[in-house]
């Protein structure tokens, strides 16, 4: 679902007005260096000095702006919000979910990637964990049209929760490939997409209909029988 699989998949960070052209160039160089070093060596060996050397900037510039490795990781994740990624439109909910799952599968199945390293790093650094949450919120929001289009076509109930469908479709991939570390199964993206689409069609992710105005409240559930009588 738009997961970066390598350093080159991250966008060139957008220019920040207050930093000017040089500031934007430095940020781009530094974040590109972070992505490259993460893929090459993992986050355990990532240091501010190594990033500064790879980026060709002075170490004090990196410390002043990003403070530490956690700040670098957070900014790398936040830079993904500047890209132009959009969900596919394959004409049906299952095919759209399959296309999303194939992106996730590609990011997770080929050994260590920027995606897997950043997820692992988020368990070590609070800044990175918060940035990763922002990243997923952004991707889920951008992917919501996959479900709203399906509702407009009549494939799923109109009150279907897009985020619930998306999480259900992609969760098996993260569970199998990242948590259980099972051998990649090329059939997994389709299987997970089909199951999520079927559940959505059955109304599993639709909000319950509101009671009509003025309708009597349902009877309360019976409580336990009183003792002693």
C-alpha atoms as a PDB file:
ATOM      1  CA  UNK A   1       0.000   0.000   0.000  1.00  0.00           C
ATOM      2  CA  UNK A   2       2.548   2.481  -1.127  1.00  0.00           C
ATOM      3  CA  UNK A   3       5.228   1.018   1.127  1.00  0.00           C
ATOM      4  CA  UNK A   4       8.759   2.112   0.178  1.00  0.00           C
ATOM      5  CA  UNK A   5      10.881  -0.936  -0.644  1.00  0.00           C
ATOM      6  CA  UNK A   6      14.166   0.859  -1.226  1.00  0.00           C
ATOM      7  CA  UNK A   7      15.750   4.230  -0.615  1.00  0.00           C
ATOM      8  CA  UNK A   8      15.001   5.255  -4.188  1.00  0.00           C
ATOM      9  CA  UNK A   9      11.258   4.732  -3.577  1.00  0.00           C
ATOM     10  CA  UNK A  10      11.130   7.665  -1.195  1.00  0.00           C
ATOM     11  CA  UNK A  11      10.294  11.003  -2.792  1.00  0.00           C
ATOM     12  CA  UNK A  12      12.651  13.933  -2.933  1.00  0.00           C
ATOM     13  CA  UNK A  13      11.552  15.856   0.162  1.00  0.00           C
ATOM     14  CA  UNK A  14       9.467  18.936  -0.536  1.00  0.00           C
ATOM     15  CA  UNK A  15      11.034  22.345  -0.095  1.00  0.00           C
ATOM     16  CA  UNK A  16      10.334  23.899   3.275  1.00  0.00           C
ATOM     17  CA  UNK A  17       9.820  27.626   2.832  1.00  0.00           C
ATOM     18  CA  UNK A  18      11.829  28.724   5.826  1.00  0.00           C
ATOM     19  CA  UNK A  19      14.918  26.709   4.905  1.00  0.00           C
ATOM     20  CA  UNK A  20      15.299  27.934   1.340  1.00  0.00           C
ATOM     21  CA  UNK A  21      16.863  26.079  -1.560  1.00  0.00           C
ATOM     22  CA  UNK A  22      20.040  25.031   0.208  1.00  0.00           C
ATOM     23  CA  UNK A  23      18.117  23.680   3.198  1.00  0.00           C
ATOM     24  CA  UNK A  24      15.946  21.571   0.931  1.00  0.00           C
ATOM     25  CA  UNK A  25      18.997  20.202  -0.882  1.00  0.00           C
ATOM     26  CA  UNK A  26      20.690  19.305   2.388  1.00  0.00           C
ATOM     27  CA  UNK A  27      17.536  17.585   3.630  1.00  0.00           C
ATOM     28  CA  UNK A  28      17.309  15.602   0.409  1.00  0.00           C
ATOM     29  CA  UNK A  29      20.950  14.522   0.625  1.00  0.00           C
ATOM     30  CA  UNK A  30      20.675  13.542   4.276  1.00  0.00           C
ATOM     31  CA  UNK A  31      17.438  11.577   3.929  1.00  0.00           C
ATOM     32  CA  UNK A  32      18.741   9.782   0.844  1.00  0.00           C
ATOM     33  CA  UNK A  33      21.819   8.812   2.869  1.00  0.00           C
ATOM     34  CA  UNK A  34      19.637   7.536   5.726  1.00  0.00           C
ATOM     35  CA  UNK A  35      17.646   5.320   3.367  1.00  0.00           C
ATOM     36  CA  UNK A  36      20.748   3.922   1.700  1.00  0.00           C
ATOM     37  CA  UNK A  37      22.503   3.146   4.976  1.00  0.00           C
ATOM     38  CA  UNK A  38      19.403   1.530   6.459  1.00  0.00           C
ATOM     39  CA  UNK A  39      19.095  -0.877   3.546  1.00  0.00           C
ATOM     40  CA  UNK A  40      22.829  -1.625   3.501  1.00  0.00           C
ATOM     41  CA  UNK A  41      23.514  -2.030   7.221  1.00  0.00           C
ATOM     42  CA  UNK A  42      20.241  -1.906   9.180  1.00  0.00           C
ATOM     43  CA  UNK A  43      19.329   0.645  11.833  1.00  0.00           C
ATOM     44  CA  UNK A  44      21.562  -0.876  14.523  1.00  0.00           C
ATOM     45  CA  UNK A  45      24.613   0.459  12.671  1.00  0.00           C
ATOM     46  CA  UNK A  46      23.053   3.766  11.667  1.00  0.00           C
ATOM     47  CA  UNK A  47      24.782   6.779  13.213  1.00  0.00           C
ATOM     48  CA  UNK A  48      24.540  10.502  12.678  1.00  0.00           C
ATOM     49  CA  UNK A  49      28.234  10.583  11.734  1.00  0.00           C
ATOM     50  CA  UNK A  50      27.765   7.872   9.098  1.00  0.00           C
ATOM     51  CA  UNK A  51      24.796   9.740   7.627  1.00  0.00           C
ATOM     52  CA  UNK A  52      26.734  13.006   7.510  1.00  0.00           C
ATOM     53  CA  UNK A  53      29.655  11.328   5.785  1.00  0.00           C
ATOM     54  CA  UNK A  54      27.450   9.625   3.185  1.00  0.00           C
ATOM     55  CA  UNK A  55      25.470  12.815   2.550  1.00  0.00           C
ATOM     56  CA  UNK A  56      28.601  14.956   2.270  1.00  0.00           C
ATOM     57  CA  UNK A  57      27.477  17.473   4.898  1.00  0.00           C
ATOM     58  CA  UNK A  58      29.015  18.515   8.191  1.00  0.00           C
ATOM     59  CA  UNK A  59      28.013  16.412  11.169  1.00  0.00           C
ATOM     60  CA  UNK A  60      27.045  19.480  13.210  1.00  0.00           C
ATOM     61  CA  UNK A  61      24.459  20.378  10.562  1.00  0.00           C
ATOM     62  CA  UNK A  62      22.849  16.972  10.985  1.00  0.00           C
ATOM     63  CA  UNK A  63      22.910  17.129  14.790  1.00  0.00           C
ATOM     64  CA  UNK A  64      21.483  20.643  14.804  1.00  0.00           C
ATOM     65  CA  UNK A  65      18.532  19.809  12.581  1.00  0.00           C
ATOM     66  CA  UNK A  66      17.730  16.161  13.433  1.00  0.00           C
ATOM     67  CA  UNK A  67      19.332  15.724  16.891  1.00  0.00           C
ATOM     68  CA  UNK A  68      19.697  11.948  16.702  1.00  0.00           C
ATOM     69  CA  UNK A  69      18.933   8.777  14.742  1.00  0.00           C
ATOM     70  CA  UNK A  70      15.309   8.825  15.869  1.00  0.00           C
ATOM     71  CA  UNK A  71      14.842  12.274  14.378  1.00  0.00           C
ATOM     72  CA  UNK A  72      16.386  11.151  11.093  1.00  0.00           C
ATOM     73  CA  UNK A  73      14.113   8.117  10.877  1.00  0.00           C
ATOM     74  CA  UNK A  74      11.041  10.196  11.670  1.00  0.00           C
ATOM     75  CA  UNK A  75      11.831  12.749   8.978  1.00  0.00           C
ATOM     76  CA  UNK A  76      12.501   9.999   6.452  1.00  0.00           C
ATOM     77  CA  UNK A  77       9.019   8.594   7.098  1.00  0.00           C
ATOM     78  CA  UNK A  78       7.393  12.023   7.070  1.00  0.00           C
ATOM     79  CA  UNK A  79       8.965  12.755   3.691  1.00  0.00           C
ATOM     80  CA  UNK A  80       6.758  10.047   2.173  1.00  0.00           C
ATOM     81  CA  UNK A  81       3.779  12.383   2.629  1.00  0.00           C
ATOM     82  CA  UNK A  82       5.273  14.541  -0.129  1.00  0.00           C
ATOM     83  CA  UNK A  83       4.938  11.887  -2.824  1.00  0.00           C
ATOM     84  CA  UNK A  84       2.198  11.479  -5.419  1.00  0.00           C
ATOM     85  CA  UNK A  85       1.249   7.868  -4.675  1.00  0.00           C
ATOM     86  CA  UNK A  86      -2.404   6.988  -5.313  1.00  0.00           C
ATOM     87  CA  UNK A  87      -4.280   3.672  -5.116  1.00  0.00           C
ATOM     88  CA  UNK A  88      -4.950   1.680  -8.285  1.00  0.00           C
ATOM     89  CA  UNK A  89      -8.327   1.560 -10.014  1.00  0.00           C
ATOM     90  CA  UNK A  90      -8.742  -1.911 -11.474  1.00  0.00           C
ATOM     91  CA  UNK A  91     -12.530  -1.845 -11.691  1.00  0.00           C
ATOM     92  CA  UNK A  92     -13.481  -4.032  -8.732  1.00  0.00           C
ATOM     93  CA  UNK A  93     -12.800  -4.143  -5.019  1.00  0.00           C
ATOM     94  CA  UNK A  94     -10.980  -7.461  -5.126  1.00  0.00           C
ATOM     95  CA  UNK A  95      -8.706  -6.388  -7.977  1.00  0.00           C
ATOM     96  CA  UNK A  96      -7.958  -3.048  -6.315  1.00  0.00           C
ATOM     97  CA  UNK A  97      -7.091  -4.800  -3.049  1.00  0.00           C
ATOM     98  CA  UNK A  98      -4.963  -7.280  -4.962  1.00  0.00           C
ATOM     99  CA  UNK A  99      -2.981  -4.458  -6.564  1.00  0.00           C
ATOM    100  CA  UNK A 100      -2.390  -2.899  -3.137  1.00  0.00           C
ATOM    101  CA  UNK A 101      -1.367  -6.256  -1.699  1.00  0.00           C
ATOM    102  CA  UNK A 102       1.079  -6.849  -4.521  1.00  0.00           C
ATOM    103  CA  UNK A 103       2.834  -3.594  -3.594  1.00  0.00           C
ATOM    104  CA  UNK A 104       3.033  -4.665   0.045  1.00  0.00           C
ATOM    105  CA  UNK A 105       4.187  -8.151  -0.934  1.00  0.00           C
ATOM    106  CA  UNK A 106       6.968  -6.735  -3.102  1.00  0.00           C
ATOM    107  CA  UNK A 107       8.137  -4.524  -0.228  1.00  0.00           C
ATOM    108  CA  UNK A 108       8.213  -7.367   2.306  1.00  0.00           C
ATOM    109  CA  UNK A 109       9.074 -10.522   0.387  1.00  0.00           C
ATOM    110  CA  UNK A 110      12.512  -9.737  -1.022  1.00  0.00           C
ATOM    111  CA  UNK A 111      14.509  -9.834   2.186  1.00  0.00           C
ATOM    112  CA  UNK A 112      15.508  -6.742   4.180  1.00  0.00           C
ATOM    113  CA  UNK A 113      14.025  -3.603   2.647  1.00  0.00           C
ATOM    114  CA  UNK A 114      13.481  -0.036   3.707  1.00  0.00           C
ATOM    115  CA  UNK A 115       9.942  -0.961   4.754  1.00  0.00           C
ATOM    116  CA  UNK A 116      10.976  -3.773   7.078  1.00  0.00           C
ATOM    117  CA  UNK A 117      13.878  -1.815   8.549  1.00  0.00           C
ATOM    118  CA  UNK A 118      11.720   1.224   9.296  1.00  0.00           C
ATOM    119  CA  UNK A 119       9.050  -0.928  10.943  1.00  0.00           C
ATOM    120  CA  UNK A 120      11.683  -2.589  13.111  1.00  0.00           C
ATOM    121  CA  UNK A 121      13.216   0.782  13.962  1.00  0.00           C
ATOM    122  CA  UNK A 122       9.859   2.122  15.104  1.00  0.00           C
ATOM    123  CA  UNK A 123      10.029  -0.263  18.083  1.00  0.00           C
ATOM    124  CA  UNK A 124      13.262   1.395  19.226  1.00  0.00           C
ATOM    125  CA  UNK A 125      12.633   5.091  18.668  1.00  0.00           C
ATOM    126  CA  UNK A 126       9.578   7.019  19.809  1.00  0.00           C
ATOM    127  CA  UNK A 127       9.953   9.641  17.072  1.00  0.00           C
ATOM    128  CA  UNK A 128      10.028   6.927  14.425  1.00  0.00           C
ATOM    129  CA  UNK A 129       7.019   5.147  15.927  1.00  0.00           C
ATOM    130  CA  UNK A 130       4.945   8.328  15.809  1.00  0.00           C
ATOM    131  CA  UNK A 131       6.092   9.061  12.268  1.00  0.00           C
ATOM    132  CA  UNK A 132       5.218   5.529  11.187  1.00  0.00           C
ATOM    133  CA  UNK A 133       1.708   6.000  12.569  1.00  0.00           C
ATOM    134  CA  UNK A 134       1.402   9.211  10.562  1.00  0.00           C
ATOM    135  CA  UNK A 135       2.618   7.353   7.469  1.00  0.00           C
ATOM    136  CA  UNK A 136      -0.028   4.625   7.837  1.00  0.00           C
ATOM    137  CA  UNK A 137      -2.744   7.208   8.495  1.00  0.00           C
ATOM    138  CA  UNK A 138      -1.759   8.967   5.284  1.00  0.00           C
ATOM    139  CA  UNK A 139      -1.702   5.751   3.248  1.00  0.00           C
ATOM    140  CA  UNK A 140      -5.046   4.571   4.605  1.00  0.00           C
ATOM    141  CA  UNK A 141      -6.605   7.944   3.822  1.00  0.00           C
ATOM    142  CA  UNK A 142      -5.243   7.869   0.272  1.00  0.00           C
ATOM    143  CA  UNK A 143      -6.426   4.272  -0.195  1.00  0.00           C
ATOM    144  CA  UNK A 144      -9.971   4.930   1.025  1.00  0.00           C
ATOM    145  CA  UNK A 145     -11.248   5.535  -2.557  1.00  0.00           C
ATOM    146  CA  UNK A 146     -10.723   1.821  -3.225  1.00  0.00           C
ATOM    147  CA  UNK A 147     -13.638   1.136  -0.870  1.00  0.00           C
ATOM    148  CA  UNK A 148     -15.744   4.210  -1.621  1.00  0.00           C
ATOM    149  CA  UNK A 149     -15.603   3.359  -5.343  1.00  0.00           C
ATOM    150  CA  UNK A 150     -16.750  -0.164  -4.527  1.00  0.00           C
ATOM    151  CA  UNK A 151     -19.664   1.256  -2.543  1.00  0.00           C
ATOM    152  CA  UNK A 152     -20.591   3.546  -5.442  1.00  0.00           C
ATOM    153  CA  UNK A 153     -20.615   0.500  -7.756  1.00  0.00           C
ATOM    154  CA  UNK A 154     -22.899  -1.339  -5.353  1.00  0.00           C
ATOM    155  CA  UNK A 155     -20.304  -3.986  -4.498  1.00  0.00           C
ATOM    156  CA  UNK A 156     -20.403  -3.286  -0.761  1.00  0.00           C
ATOM    157  CA  UNK A 157     -22.799  -1.517   1.624  1.00  0.00           C
ATOM    158  CA  UNK A 158     -22.566   2.260   1.511  1.00  0.00           C
ATOM    159  CA  UNK A 159     -21.576   2.461   5.193  1.00  0.00           C
ATOM    160  CA  UNK A 160     -18.532   0.195   4.746  1.00  0.00           C
ATOM    161  CA  UNK A 161     -15.498   1.377   6.755  1.00  0.00           C
ATOM    162  CA  UNK A 162     -12.573   1.795   4.310  1.00  0.00           C
ATOM    163  CA  UNK A 163      -9.861   1.484   6.933  1.00  0.00           C
ATOM    164  CA  UNK A 164     -11.285  -1.763   8.285  1.00  0.00           C
ATOM    165  CA  UNK A 165     -11.331  -3.277   4.803  1.00  0.00           C
ATOM    166  CA  UNK A 166      -7.781  -2.134   4.045  1.00  0.00           C
ATOM    167  CA  UNK A 167      -6.392  -3.437   7.336  1.00  0.00           C
ATOM    168  CA  UNK A 168      -8.112  -6.788   6.841  1.00  0.00           C
ATOM    169  CA  UNK A 169      -6.747  -7.107   3.304  1.00  0.00           C
ATOM    170  CA  UNK A 170      -3.126  -6.270   4.138  1.00  0.00           C
ATOM    171  CA  UNK A 171      -2.782  -7.728   7.659  1.00  0.00           C
ATOM    172  CA  UNK A 172      -2.139 -11.331   6.515  1.00  0.00           C
ATOM    173  CA  UNK A 173       0.876 -10.162   4.506  1.00  0.00           C
ATOM    174  CA  UNK A 174       2.474  -8.345   7.425  1.00  0.00           C
ATOM    175  CA  UNK A 175       1.670 -11.240   9.762  1.00  0.00           C
ATOM    176  CA  UNK A 176       3.066 -13.960   7.501  1.00  0.00           C
ATOM    177  CA  UNK A 177       6.089 -12.150   6.063  1.00  0.00           C
ATOM    178  CA  UNK A 178       7.143  -9.802   8.846  1.00  0.00           C
ATOM    179  CA  UNK A 179       6.049 -11.513  12.067  1.00  0.00           C
ATOM    180  CA  UNK A 180       6.127 -15.226  11.233  1.00  0.00           C
ATOM    181  CA  UNK A 181       8.801 -14.815   8.529  1.00  0.00           C
ATOM    182  CA  UNK A 182       7.273 -17.578   6.441  1.00  0.00           C
ATOM    183  CA  UNK A 183       8.490 -18.251   2.925  1.00  0.00           C
ATOM    184  CA  UNK A 184       6.830 -15.799   0.502  1.00  0.00           C
ATOM    185  CA  UNK A 185       3.789 -17.357  -1.168  1.00  0.00           C
ATOM    186  CA  UNK A 186       2.883 -15.592  -4.432  1.00  0.00           C
ATOM    187  CA  UNK A 187      -0.744 -16.639  -3.918  1.00  0.00           C
ATOM    188  CA  UNK A 188      -0.994 -14.779  -0.591  1.00  0.00           C
ATOM    189  CA  UNK A 189      -1.854 -11.315  -2.000  1.00  0.00           C
ATOM    190  CA  UNK A 190      -4.791 -12.706  -3.989  1.00  0.00           C
ATOM    191  CA  UNK A 191      -5.998 -14.915  -1.136  1.00  0.00           C
ATOM    192  CA  UNK A 192      -6.014 -12.042   1.350  1.00  0.00           C
ATOM    193  CA  UNK A 193      -7.646  -9.632  -1.116  1.00  0.00           C
ATOM    194  CA  UNK A 194     -10.376 -12.129  -1.969  1.00  0.00           C
ATOM    195  CA  UNK A 195     -11.162 -12.819   1.690  1.00  0.00           C
ATOM    196  CA  UNK A 196     -11.366  -9.113   2.561  1.00  0.00           C
ATOM    197  CA  UNK A 197     -13.531  -8.335  -0.463  1.00  0.00           C
ATOM    198  CA  UNK A 198     -15.897 -11.207   0.353  1.00  0.00           C
ATOM    199  CA  UNK A 199     -16.239 -10.044   3.945  1.00  0.00           C
ATOM    200  CA  UNK A 200     -16.898  -6.478   2.794  1.00  0.00           C
ATOM    201  CA  UNK A 201     -19.582  -7.631   0.358  1.00  0.00           C
ATOM    202  CA  UNK A 202     -21.231  -9.553   3.201  1.00  0.00           C
ATOM    203  CA  UNK A 203     -21.411  -6.367   5.269  1.00  0.00           C
ATOM    204  CA  UNK A 204     -18.763  -7.328   7.820  1.00  0.00           C
ATOM    205  CA  UNK A 205     -17.323  -3.793   7.843  1.00  0.00           C
ATOM    206  CA  UNK A 206     -20.543  -1.793   7.530  1.00  0.00           C
ATOM    207  CA  UNK A 207     -21.690   0.395  10.377  1.00  0.00           C
ATOM    208  CA  UNK A 208     -25.045  -0.712  11.835  1.00  0.00           C
ATOM    209  CA  UNK A 209     -28.001   1.258  10.558  1.00  0.00           C
ATOM    210  CA  UNK A 210     -29.209   3.975  12.909  1.00  0.00           C
ATOM    211  CA  UNK A 211     -32.637   3.499  14.467  1.00  0.00           C
ATOM    212  CA  UNK A 212     -35.356   5.728  12.952  1.00  0.00           C
ATOM    213  CA  UNK A 213     -36.135   8.913  14.875  1.00  0.00           C
ATOM    214  CA  UNK A 214     -38.794   8.275  17.503  1.00  0.00           C
ATOM    215  CA  UNK A 215     -38.351   4.515  17.473  1.00  0.00           C
ATOM    216  CA  UNK A 216     -38.668   2.908  20.913  1.00  0.00           C
ATOM    217  CA  UNK A 217     -35.443   1.887  22.588  1.00  0.00           C
ATOM    218  CA  UNK A 218     -34.782  -1.850  22.674  1.00  0.00           C
ATOM    219  CA  UNK A 219     -35.674  -3.681  25.839  1.00  0.00           C
ATOM    220  CA  UNK A 220     -32.721  -4.010  28.185  1.00  0.00           C
ATOM    221  CA  UNK A 221     -31.149  -7.406  28.522  1.00  0.00           C
ATOM    222  CA  UNK A 222     -32.571  -9.303  31.481  1.00  0.00           C
ATOM    223  CA  UNK A 223     -30.410  -9.145  34.565  1.00  0.00           C
ATOM    224  CA  UNK A 224     -29.713 -11.904  37.062  1.00  0.00           C
ATOM    225  CA  UNK A 225     -32.614 -13.194  39.112  1.00  0.00           C
ATOM    226  CA  UNK A 226     -32.825 -11.637  42.569  1.00  0.00           C
ATOM    227  CA  UNK A 227     -31.563 -13.770  45.381  1.00  0.00           C
ATOM    228  CA  UNK A 228     -33.707 -15.114  48.135  1.00  0.00           C
ATOM    229  CA  UNK A 229     -37.008 -15.116  46.501  1.00  0.00           C
END
